[in-house]
Amino acid sequence: MNLSKVYSAELVGIEARLIEVETDLGVGLRELNIVGLADKALSEARERVSSAIKNSGLKPPNRENRKITVNLAPADLKKAGSHYDLAIAVGYLLATNQISLFETSAKMFVGELALDGTLRPASGVLSFALLARGLGFKYLFLPKENASEAALIRGIEVVPVENLSELLNHLDGTIKIKTHPTTEFVPKSKHSIDISEIKGQKAAKRALVVAAAGAHNILMSGPPGSGKSMLAESINSILPPLSLREAIEASRIWSAAGLLNGNYLTQRPFRSPHHTSSSAAIIGGGQNPRPGEISLAHRGVLFLDELPEFKRDVLESLRQPIESGSVIVSRARNSLVFPAKFMFVAAMNPCPCGFLGDEEKECKCTASEIWNYQKKISGPLLDRIDIQVNVPRLKLENIIQAQPDSSGLREQVAAARIRQRERFRKNNLPFFTNSEMSSKICEQVIKLDRGAISFLKSVFDQSLLGARGYFRLLKTSLTIADLAGEDIVREEHAAEAFHLRIRES
């Protein structure tokens, strides 16, 4: 046999594409060529593969007195990374009859080879497992460290491989490798700060509960030391645990970014980038586009502290992802779509010195300084923030008094999320939270009583809301109704949502 074909995969953004690894032995000088738009790391695979095969006790390519061509098809798709090593090695050994012929159409191979034949973990394995299952592959061979991650996907047999010799014994039928059992998803609720640790701030905590219940965006403004950052960091303590579907969605993004380390996400991501971060770091991109912070926060929280200190172009680039729940990174060859359904949480001071409106300390800023500071956050961005709340300075009695347990708040949020899930299930809608609904879906799902209709009409007639703000107010009102255990949005729900949206300055 002088020709073989095995299967591997390429990661394009977070989506996997099937790659055919063809190996041909021809007449010519001794050489191994890898063709098919391979990058530098992949071109160097010939050295890694040759050494791994030699150190596994077999005849390597550099001892073949023939020309060896490895083609990665489709040839017009750029291939990057070292995870093709295993497929190239298996394809070469098949073509040279050093291992028994086997049915390759049901098997996919992924993994980087060390020089001694050991397999090193790869990135993007969760996407590879989803691709293998979707295309009808039965087995996915990959490094042992990645097995738990891939086994999260049902319907595919995950074969954990420690080294090349072990794989060859398995393929020859000598010593079979046990497939990895299906990974049982166990969510965790570990969090650094519990909301019960925060003193006072009853109004801000209520705003956080509403935001958490419907995954609404929230902006907190107040003087230094009032607890804005702690409130933001405590939000995970009242958010419900990840579901399996949410965990797979978020984990495949982290896997593509190489951040999972062979495991999977067990709790909602909380991302808090520094204000010096670039647009590419926040949104995603680069020469080989990678997910940014907004995608790594998918199904979790993106927290921007000191919001006006972020670069203007970074803040403006958030507008489209907040609205659509995804970001499109366009390049000359193709466009990649990264999911970005995150809860946007931001904190800021009301002015450069931080004490505008403070009852205890006088603001030292001029009117122009205050204006220039606040206008760093544009109107269109503010219009996409459903809840805007002031966090005032704490008084001594707030600091020394005991705080209530947060379990009640968690239960409120969990009950509201269950109501939303049931509502979406009855209407055959693929949403998790109220904030994901489009304006058309809002009109179909949200029921208003006469008082709510009258209130919303008066607010709209006074030009206090635009069309986007109106529908965002509707969604927040529905969340407040869910927290109250009601199916119909009443006037008091709409009034509270309006009060939460209009920030006093």
Protein backbone atom coordinates (compact mmCIF):
# COMPACT_ATOMS: atom_id res chain seq x y z
CA MET A 1 0.00 0.00 0.00
CA ASN A 2 1.55 3.30 -1.12
CA LEU A 3 -1.39 5.60 -0.34
CA SER A 4 -3.40 6.16 2.85
CA LYS A 5 -6.02 8.55 4.13
CA VAL A 6 -6.88 9.31 7.75
CA TYR A 7 -8.88 12.12 9.32
CA SER A 8 -8.11 15.04 11.59
CA ALA A 9 -9.60 18.52 12.07
CA GLU A 10 -8.74 22.21 11.86
CA LEU A 11 -10.02 24.89 14.21
CA VAL A 12 -11.43 27.95 12.39
CA GLY A 13 -12.33 30.38 15.15
CA ILE A 14 -14.19 28.06 17.48
CA GLU A 15 -15.68 25.92 14.71
CA ALA A 16 -13.94 22.69 13.64
CA ARG A 17 -13.52 21.68 10.00
CA LEU A 18 -12.78 18.14 8.81
CA ILE A 19 -9.29 17.63 7.33
CA GLU A 20 -8.25 14.63 5.23
CA VAL A 21 -4.62 13.67 5.82
CA GLU A 22 -3.43 11.86 2.68
CA THR A 23 -0.01 10.20 2.54
CA ASP A 24 1.60 9.06 -0.71
CA LEU A 25 4.87 7.18 -1.27
CA GLY A 26 6.45 7.97 -4.61
CA VAL A 27 9.67 7.55 -6.52
CA GLY A 28 12.27 10.22 -5.80
CA LEU A 29 14.89 11.47 -3.40
CA ARG A 30 14.46 10.84 0.32
CA GLU A 31 12.23 13.64 1.62
CA LEU A 32 8.97 14.32 3.45
CA ASN A 33 6.82 17.19 2.19
CA ILE A 34 3.68 18.51 3.90
CA VAL A 35 1.42 20.44 1.53
CA GLY A 36 -1.95 22.13 1.96
CA LEU A 37 -1.27 25.65 3.33
CA ALA A 38 0.60 24.46 6.42
CA ASP A 39 1.98 27.03 8.89
CA LYS A 40 5.46 26.91 10.46
CA ALA A 41 4.45 24.72 13.44
CA LEU A 42 2.82 22.22 11.07
CA SER A 43 5.74 22.25 8.63
CA GLU A 44 8.02 21.23 11.51
CA ALA A 45 5.81 18.18 12.12
CA ARG A 46 8.09 16.09 9.88
CA GLU A 47 10.88 16.32 12.47
CA ARG A 48 8.60 15.53 15.42
CA VAL A 49 6.86 12.67 13.59
CA SER A 50 10.14 11.11 12.38
CA SER A 51 11.65 11.13 15.88
CA ALA A 52 8.44 9.86 17.51
CA ILE A 53 8.18 6.93 15.06
CA LYS A 54 11.88 6.06 15.45
CA ASN A 55 11.68 6.15 19.26
CA SER A 56 8.58 3.95 19.10
CA GLY A 57 10.63 1.19 17.45
CA LEU A 58 9.47 1.65 13.83
CA LYS A 59 11.06 2.81 10.59
CA PRO A 60 10.82 6.62 10.35
CA PRO A 61 10.32 8.66 7.14
CA ASN A 62 13.93 9.88 7.06
CA ARG A 63 15.06 6.27 6.47
CA GLU A 64 12.73 5.72 3.53
CA ASN A 65 14.55 6.03 0.21
CA ARG A 66 11.38 7.43 -1.32
CA LYS A 67 9.59 10.73 -1.68
CA ILE A 68 6.79 11.04 0.88
CA THR A 69 4.02 13.58 0.34
CA VAL A 70 1.47 14.43 3.02
CA ASN A 71 -1.48 16.42 1.71
CA LEU A 72 -3.91 18.18 4.04
CA ALA A 73 -7.21 18.62 2.24
CA PRO A 74 -9.01 20.87 1.48
CA ALA A 75 -5.87 22.56 0.23
CA ASP A 76 -7.32 26.09 0.21
CA LEU A 77 -7.94 26.12 3.99
CA LYS A 78 -5.03 27.38 6.06
CA LYS A 79 -3.80 24.77 8.57
CA ALA A 80 -2.19 25.82 11.83
CA GLY A 81 -0.86 24.12 14.94
CA SER A 82 0.82 20.89 15.93
CA HIS A 83 -2.26 18.71 16.56
CA TYR A 84 -1.89 17.02 13.13
CA ASP A 85 1.19 15.06 14.28
CA LEU A 86 -0.76 11.97 15.32
CA ALA A 87 -2.76 11.77 12.08
CA ILE A 88 0.39 12.26 9.98
CA ALA A 89 2.21 9.50 11.89
CA VAL A 90 -0.70 7.04 11.54
CA GLY A 91 -1.11 7.89 7.84
CA TYR A 92 2.59 7.32 7.17
CA LEU A 93 2.65 4.00 9.04
CA LEU A 94 -0.40 2.83 7.08
CA ALA A 95 1.14 3.83 3.74
CA THR A 96 4.37 1.96 4.56
CA ASN A 97 2.50 -1.16 5.81
CA GLN A 98 4.08 -0.91 9.26
CA ILE A 99 0.67 -1.30 10.92
CA SER A 100 -2.28 -3.44 9.92
CA LEU A 101 -4.90 -1.96 7.65
CA PHE A 102 -7.96 -0.71 9.54
CA GLU A 103 -11.18 1.14 8.74
CA THR A 104 -10.17 4.80 8.85
CA SER A 105 -13.55 6.35 7.99
CA ALA A 106 -14.86 5.94 11.55
CA LYS A 107 -11.79 7.33 13.33
CA MET A 108 -10.43 10.83 13.88
CA PHE A 109 -6.92 11.53 15.21
CA VAL A 110 -5.81 14.65 17.10
CA GLY A 111 -2.65 15.33 19.11
CA GLU A 112 0.90 16.67 19.16
CA LEU A 113 3.77 14.17 19.37
CA ALA A 114 6.79 14.59 21.60
CA LEU A 115 10.11 13.25 20.26
CA ASP A 116 9.75 10.09 22.39
CA GLY A 117 6.25 9.38 21.01
CA THR A 118 4.31 10.77 23.98
CA LEU A 119 1.18 12.77 23.16
CA ARG A 120 0.84 16.34 24.35
CA PRO A 121 -2.58 17.98 24.91
CA ALA A 122 -4.21 20.02 22.14
CA SER A 123 -6.50 23.05 22.06
CA GLY A 124 -10.03 23.03 20.66
CA VAL A 125 -10.76 19.39 21.52
CA LEU A 126 -14.38 20.12 22.49
CA SER A 127 -15.05 21.50 19.00
CA PHE A 128 -13.32 18.46 17.45
CA ALA A 129 -15.57 16.13 19.45
CA LEU A 130 -18.69 18.01 18.32
CA LEU A 131 -17.51 17.79 14.70
CA ALA A 132 -16.73 14.06 14.98
CA ARG A 133 -20.17 13.34 16.41
CA GLY A 134 -21.91 15.51 13.82
CA LEU A 135 -20.17 13.77 10.90
CA GLY A 136 -20.84 10.26 12.21
CA PHE A 137 -17.34 9.31 13.37
CA LYS A 138 -17.39 6.58 15.99
CA TYR A 139 -13.98 7.09 17.63
CA LEU A 140 -11.93 10.16 18.52
CA PHE A 141 -8.28 9.41 19.37
CA LEU A 142 -6.63 12.17 21.37
CA PRO A 143 -4.15 12.86 24.18
CA LYS A 144 -5.05 11.41 27.57
CA GLU A 145 -5.11 14.88 29.16
CA ASN A 146 -7.92 15.97 26.81
CA ALA A 147 -10.14 12.92 27.33
CA SER A 148 -12.29 14.30 30.15
CA GLU A 149 -13.02 17.45 28.14
CA ALA A 150 -14.01 15.58 24.95
CA ALA A 151 -16.09 12.99 26.85
CA LEU A 152 -18.47 15.76 27.84
CA ILE A 153 -19.99 15.25 24.36
CA ARG A 154 -22.39 12.31 24.18
CA GLY A 155 -22.51 10.05 21.11
CA ILE A 156 -18.77 9.69 20.41
CA GLU A 157 -16.27 7.16 21.80
CA VAL A 158 -13.27 9.01 23.21
CA VAL A 159 -10.03 6.99 23.17
CA PRO A 160 -7.35 8.48 25.49
CA VAL A 161 -3.84 7.86 24.09
CA GLU A 162 -0.70 8.22 26.18
CA ASN A 163 1.90 7.54 23.48
CA LEU A 164 2.27 6.36 19.89
CA SER A 165 3.25 2.79 20.81
CA GLU A 166 0.06 2.41 22.87
CA LEU A 167 -2.03 3.60 19.91
CA LEU A 168 -0.32 1.22 17.48
CA ASN A 169 -0.97 -1.73 19.80
CA HIS A 170 -4.62 -0.70 19.96
CA LEU A 171 -4.96 -0.38 16.17
CA ASP A 172 -3.27 -3.76 15.66
CA GLY A 173 -5.63 -5.31 18.21
CA THR A 174 -2.77 -6.35 20.52
CA ILE A 175 -3.68 -4.32 23.61
CA LYS A 176 -6.93 -2.39 23.45
CA ILE A 177 -7.22 1.04 25.07
CA LYS A 178 -10.32 1.49 27.19
CA THR A 179 -12.54 4.30 25.97
CA HIS A 180 -13.03 7.16 28.40
CA PRO A 181 -16.38 7.04 30.22
CA THR A 182 -18.82 9.85 29.52
CA THR A 183 -17.97 12.83 31.69
CA GLU A 184 -20.72 13.59 34.17
CA PHE A 185 -21.24 17.32 34.30
CA VAL A 186 -21.15 18.61 37.89
CA PRO A 187 -21.62 22.39 38.15
CA LYS A 188 -19.95 24.27 40.99
CA SER A 189 -20.94 27.48 42.72
CA LYS A 190 -17.56 28.62 44.01
CA HIS A 191 -17.22 32.41 44.22
CA SER A 192 -14.65 34.75 45.72
CA ILE A 193 -17.13 37.18 47.32
CA ASP A 194 -20.62 36.42 48.63
CA ILE A 195 -23.17 39.21 48.36
CA SER A 196 -23.89 38.80 52.10
CA GLU A 197 -20.35 40.05 52.82
CA ILE A 198 -21.24 43.49 51.44
CA LYS A 199 -22.43 45.99 54.01
CA GLY A 200 -25.59 48.01 53.35
CA GLN A 201 -26.35 49.01 49.73
CA LYS A 202 -29.88 47.59 49.79
CA ALA A 203 -30.91 49.41 46.58
CA ALA A 204 -27.78 48.27 44.73
CA LYS A 205 -28.33 44.67 45.84
CA ARG A 206 -31.91 44.80 44.56
CA ALA A 207 -30.58 46.08 41.23
CA LEU A 208 -28.09 43.20 41.13
CA VAL A 209 -30.85 40.66 41.80
CA VAL A 210 -32.91 42.04 38.90
CA ALA A 211 -29.83 42.06 36.66
CA ALA A 212 -28.88 38.49 37.61
CA ALA A 213 -32.43 37.18 37.18
CA GLY A 214 -32.70 38.34 33.57
CA ALA A 215 -28.98 38.65 32.65
CA HIS A 216 -29.45 42.40 32.17
CA ASN A 217 -26.57 44.83 31.75
CA ILE A 218 -25.87 47.05 34.77
CA LEU A 219 -23.79 50.17 35.46
CA MET A 220 -22.93 51.20 39.01
CA SER A 221 -21.79 54.73 39.76
CA GLY A 222 -20.60 56.12 43.07
CA PRO A 223 -17.68 57.52 45.09
CA PRO A 224 -14.50 55.53 45.80
CA GLY A 225 -14.88 52.88 48.49
CA SER A 226 -18.65 52.57 48.27
CA GLY A 227 -18.43 48.90 47.26
CA LYS A 228 -19.02 48.96 43.49
CA SER A 229 -16.28 46.47 42.65
CA MET A 230 -17.26 44.12 45.47
CA LEU A 231 -20.88 44.22 44.34
CA ALA A 232 -19.81 43.30 40.81
CA GLU A 233 -17.59 40.46 42.01
CA SER A 234 -20.38 39.12 44.23
CA ILE A 235 -22.83 38.68 41.38
CA ASN A 236 -21.67 35.11 40.76
CA SER A 237 -22.86 34.26 44.26
CA ILE A 238 -26.50 34.80 43.23
CA LEU A 239 -26.34 33.59 39.61
CA PRO A 240 -27.72 30.08 39.00
CA PRO A 241 -25.17 27.33 38.19
CA LEU A 242 -24.31 26.52 34.59
CA SER A 243 -26.50 24.06 32.75
CA LEU A 244 -24.84 21.38 30.61
CA ARG A 245 -25.74 23.20 27.38
CA GLU A 246 -24.37 26.50 28.68
CA ALA A 247 -21.21 24.76 29.92
CA ILE A 248 -20.57 23.21 26.48
CA GLU A 249 -21.14 26.56 24.74
CA ALA A 250 -18.71 28.38 27.05
CA SER A 251 -16.18 25.56 27.36
CA ARG A 252 -15.64 25.21 23.60
CA ILE A 253 -14.64 28.90 23.47
CA TRP A 254 -12.17 28.43 26.32
CA SER A 255 -10.93 25.24 24.69
CA ALA A 256 -10.30 27.03 21.38
CA ALA A 257 -8.36 29.69 23.29
CA GLY A 258 -6.24 27.00 24.99
CA LEU A 259 -7.47 27.90 28.49
CA LEU A 260 -9.23 24.70 29.60
CA ASN A 261 -6.20 22.49 30.33
CA GLY A 262 -8.09 19.32 29.48
CA ASN A 263 -11.11 20.05 31.66
CA TYR A 264 -14.36 21.96 31.24
CA LEU A 265 -16.02 24.97 32.84
CA THR A 266 -17.98 24.14 35.97
CA GLN A 267 -19.05 27.67 36.89
CA ARG A 268 -19.98 30.85 35.07
CA PRO A 269 -16.98 32.77 33.74
CA PHE A 270 -16.20 36.15 35.30
CA ARG A 271 -13.84 38.23 33.18
CA SER A 272 -12.44 41.54 34.42
CA PRO A 273 -9.91 42.94 31.91
CA HIS A 274 -7.74 45.94 32.80
CA HIS A 275 -8.63 49.30 31.31
CA THR A 276 -5.39 49.32 29.27
CA SER A 277 -6.61 46.29 27.25
CA SER A 278 -6.68 46.69 23.49
CA SER A 279 -9.71 46.37 21.25
CA ALA A 280 -8.43 43.01 19.91
CA ALA A 281 -8.02 41.69 23.47
CA ILE A 282 -11.57 42.67 24.41
CA ILE A 283 -13.41 41.91 21.16
CA GLY A 284 -11.17 39.21 19.65
CA GLY A 285 -8.96 39.11 16.60
CA GLY A 286 -5.28 38.92 15.76
CA GLN A 287 -3.48 37.47 12.75
CA ASN A 288 -5.01 34.08 13.55
CA PRO A 289 -8.25 35.36 15.13
CA ARG A 290 -8.81 34.25 18.71
CA PRO A 291 -11.77 34.84 21.03
CA GLY A 292 -11.58 38.01 23.09
CA GLU A 293 -12.74 38.78 26.62
CA ILE A 294 -16.37 39.23 25.57
CA SER A 295 -16.42 35.69 24.14
CA LEU A 296 -14.56 34.23 27.12
CA ALA A 297 -17.35 35.78 29.23
CA HIS A 298 -20.04 33.94 27.20
CA ARG A 299 -22.85 32.78 29.52
CA GLY A 300 -21.11 34.63 32.35
CA VAL A 301 -20.10 38.15 33.37
CA LEU A 302 -17.87 40.76 31.73
CA PHE A 303 -16.91 43.35 34.35
CA LEU A 304 -15.30 46.62 33.31
CA ASP A 305 -14.13 48.55 36.37
CA GLU A 306 -13.38 52.26 35.98
CA LEU A 307 -15.40 52.30 32.76
CA PRO A 308 -14.43 55.83 31.55
CA GLU A 309 -10.73 54.87 31.71
CA PHE A 310 -11.14 52.37 28.86
CA LYS A 311 -10.22 53.62 25.40
CA ARG A 312 -13.12 55.11 23.47
CA ASP A 313 -12.73 52.69 20.53
CA VAL A 314 -12.86 49.72 22.93
CA LEU A 315 -16.10 50.91 24.51
CA GLU A 316 -17.72 51.70 21.16
CA SER A 317 -16.77 48.27 19.83
CA LEU A 318 -18.93 46.73 22.59
CA ARG A 319 -22.13 48.17 21.16
CA GLN A 320 -22.75 45.58 18.44
CA PRO A 321 -21.89 42.46 20.52
CA ILE A 322 -24.08 43.63 23.41
CA GLU A 323 -27.00 43.94 21.01
CA SER A 324 -26.49 40.78 18.93
CA GLY A 325 -24.85 38.36 21.37
CA SER A 326 -22.00 37.61 18.97
CA VAL A 327 -19.06 39.34 17.30
CA ILE A 328 -17.93 39.03 13.69
CA VAL A 329 -14.17 39.24 13.11
CA SER A 330 -13.55 39.86 9.40
CA ARG A 331 -10.31 39.10 7.61
CA ALA A 332 -9.34 39.09 3.93
CA ARG A 333 -9.82 35.33 3.56
CA ASN A 334 -12.89 34.78 5.75
CA SER A 335 -15.12 36.07 8.54
CA LEU A 336 -15.35 34.34 11.90
CA VAL A 337 -18.26 34.52 14.32
CA PHE A 338 -17.54 34.28 18.05
CA PRO A 339 -20.47 33.89 20.49
CA ALA A 340 -20.65 36.69 23.07
CA LYS A 341 -23.81 36.42 25.16
CA PHE A 342 -22.51 37.93 28.36
CA MET A 343 -23.90 39.96 31.21
CA PHE A 344 -22.23 43.37 31.02
CA VAL A 345 -21.40 44.81 34.45
CA ALA A 346 -19.60 48.15 34.74
CA ALA A 347 -18.53 50.49 37.52
CA MET A 348 -17.43 54.11 37.44
CA ASN A 349 -16.93 57.21 39.55
CA PRO A 350 -19.29 60.11 38.82
CA CYS A 351 -16.36 62.48 38.15
CA PRO A 352 -12.52 62.42 38.02
CA CYS A 353 -12.15 62.95 41.79
CA GLY A 354 -15.05 60.60 42.47
CA PHE A 355 -17.05 62.74 44.91
CA LEU A 356 -19.66 64.45 42.75
CA GLY A 357 -22.96 64.32 44.66
CA ASP A 358 -21.30 62.91 47.80
CA GLU A 359 -22.92 64.06 51.06
CA GLU A 360 -19.69 64.02 53.07
CA LYS A 361 -16.92 65.13 50.76
CA GLU A 362 -16.91 68.06 48.36
CA CYS A 363 -16.18 67.53 44.67
CA LYS A 364 -13.10 69.45 43.48
CA CYS A 365 -13.72 69.00 39.73
CA THR A 366 -14.68 71.81 37.38
CA ALA A 367 -17.82 71.59 35.26
CA SER A 368 -15.74 71.00 32.11
CA GLU A 369 -13.76 68.20 33.79
CA ILE A 370 -16.97 66.50 34.85
CA TRP A 371 -18.44 66.90 31.37
CA ASN A 372 -15.32 65.53 29.62
CA TYR A 373 -15.16 62.60 32.04
CA GLN A 374 -18.79 61.56 31.69
CA LYS A 375 -18.95 62.00 27.91
CA LYS A 376 -16.31 59.28 27.52
CA ILE A 377 -19.27 56.91 27.72
CA SER A 378 -21.43 57.54 24.69
CA GLY A 379 -25.21 57.74 24.64
CA PRO A 380 -25.61 54.67 22.39
CA LEU A 381 -23.59 52.56 24.84
CA LEU A 382 -25.57 53.83 27.83
CA ASP A 383 -28.78 53.08 25.92
CA ARG A 384 -27.76 49.40 25.89
CA ILE A 385 -27.35 49.28 29.68
CA ASP A 386 -30.68 48.23 31.21
CA ILE A 387 -29.94 49.11 34.83
CA GLN A 388 -28.02 52.20 35.96
CA VAL A 389 -27.78 52.58 39.71
CA ASN A 390 -26.02 54.92 42.13
CA VAL A 391 -23.98 53.34 44.92
CA PRO A 392 -23.67 55.97 47.68
CA ARG A 393 -21.11 56.24 50.44
CA LEU A 394 -21.71 53.84 53.36
CA LYS A 395 -22.64 55.17 56.77
CA LEU A 396 -21.13 53.74 59.96
CA GLU A 397 -24.34 52.01 61.02
CA ASN A 398 -24.32 50.13 57.69
CA ILE A 399 -20.77 48.94 58.26
CA ILE A 400 -21.21 47.57 61.78
CA GLN A 401 -24.63 45.93 61.42
CA ALA A 402 -24.99 42.23 60.61
CA GLN A 403 -25.86 41.37 57.03
CA PRO A 404 -28.64 38.98 55.99
CA ASP A 405 -27.75 35.68 54.39
CA SER A 406 -27.67 35.71 50.56
CA SER A 407 -29.38 32.34 50.08
CA GLY A 408 -32.76 34.08 49.82
CA LEU A 409 -31.47 36.25 46.97
CA ARG A 410 -30.09 33.19 45.19
CA GLU A 411 -33.46 31.48 45.51
CA GLN A 412 -35.25 34.51 44.06
CA VAL A 413 -32.95 34.55 41.04
CA ALA A 414 -33.21 30.77 40.56
CA ALA A 415 -37.04 30.88 40.70
CA ALA A 416 -37.14 33.73 38.17
CA ARG A 417 -34.82 31.84 35.82
CA ILE A 418 -37.03 28.74 36.06
CA ARG A 419 -40.08 30.82 35.10
CA GLN A 420 -38.21 32.17 32.09
CA ARG A 421 -37.05 28.73 31.02
CA GLU A 422 -40.58 27.36 31.21
CA ARG A 423 -41.97 30.31 29.26
CA PHE A 424 -39.40 29.87 26.49
CA ARG A 425 -39.99 26.13 26.39
CA LYS A 426 -43.74 26.61 25.96
CA ASN A 427 -43.13 29.06 23.10
CA ASN A 428 -40.40 26.90 21.49
CA LEU A 429 -37.78 29.64 21.91
CA PRO A 430 -34.04 28.81 22.25
CA PHE A 431 -33.35 31.38 24.99
CA PHE A 432 -32.10 31.15 28.56
CA THR A 433 -32.93 34.65 29.87
CA ASN A 434 -35.23 37.59 29.17
CA SER A 435 -32.38 39.79 27.96
CA GLU A 436 -31.87 37.55 24.90
CA MET A 437 -35.30 38.27 23.41
CA SER A 438 -35.64 40.36 20.25
CA SER A 439 -38.22 43.14 19.96
CA LYS A 440 -40.47 40.86 17.91
CA ILE A 441 -40.34 38.13 20.55
CA CYS A 442 -41.05 40.72 23.26
CA GLU A 443 -44.33 41.61 21.54
CA GLN A 444 -45.26 37.92 21.33
CA VAL A 445 -44.32 36.89 24.86
CA ILE A 446 -44.75 39.89 27.20
CA LYS A 447 -48.26 40.53 28.53
CA LEU A 448 -49.01 43.98 29.98
CA ASP A 449 -51.93 45.11 32.11
CA ARG A 450 -53.65 48.46 31.48
CA GLY A 451 -51.64 50.25 34.14
CA ALA A 452 -48.33 49.15 32.62
CA ILE A 453 -49.47 50.13 29.12
CA SER A 454 -50.51 53.59 30.35
CA PHE A 455 -47.25 54.09 32.25
CA LEU A 456 -45.06 53.05 29.31
CA LYS A 457 -47.05 55.28 26.95
CA SER A 458 -46.58 58.32 29.20
CA VAL A 459 -42.83 57.65 29.48
CA PHE A 460 -42.48 57.20 25.72
CA ASP A 461 -44.57 60.29 24.93
CA GLN A 462 -42.27 62.40 27.11
CA SER A 463 -39.33 61.27 24.92
CA LEU A 464 -37.63 59.66 27.90
CA LEU A 465 -37.10 56.48 25.88
CA GLY A 466 -36.20 55.56 22.31
CA ALA A 467 -37.34 52.40 20.55
CA ARG A 468 -34.38 50.34 21.82
CA GLY A 469 -34.82 51.67 25.34
CA TYR A 470 -38.54 50.85 25.24
CA PHE A 471 -37.99 47.17 24.46
CA ARG A 472 -35.13 46.90 26.94
CA LEU A 473 -37.43 48.41 29.57
CA LEU A 474 -40.07 45.82 28.67
CA LYS A 475 -37.60 42.98 29.20
CA THR A 476 -36.47 44.35 32.57
CA SER A 477 -40.13 44.79 33.60
CA LEU A 478 -40.80 41.15 32.71
CA THR A 479 -37.85 40.07 34.87
CA ILE A 480 -39.22 42.04 37.83
CA ALA A 481 -42.59 40.34 37.28
CA ASP A 482 -40.80 36.97 37.24
CA LEU A 483 -39.15 37.82 40.56
CA ALA A 484 -42.61 38.62 41.92
CA GLY A 485 -43.93 35.30 40.61
CA GLU A 486 -46.38 36.93 38.19
CA ASP A 487 -47.05 36.25 34.50
CA ILE A 488 -48.40 39.72 33.65
CA VAL A 489 -46.29 42.90 33.78
CA ARG A 490 -48.06 45.42 36.00
CA GLU A 491 -47.55 49.15 36.44
CA GLU A 492 -45.36 48.71 39.54
CA HIS A 493 -43.04 46.36 37.63
CA ALA A 494 -42.66 48.81 34.75
CA ALA A 495 -42.17 51.72 37.17
CA GLU A 496 -39.37 49.91 39.03
CA ALA A 497 -37.70 48.98 35.74
CA PHE A 498 -37.86 52.64 34.62
CA HIS A 499 -36.45 53.81 37.96
CA LEU A 500 -33.57 51.33 37.63
CA ARG A 501 -32.84 52.46 34.07
CA ILE A 502 -32.74 56.23 34.64
CA ARG A 503 -29.55 57.00 36.60
CA GLU A 504 -29.67 60.03 38.87
CA SER A 505 -26.63 62.23 38.25
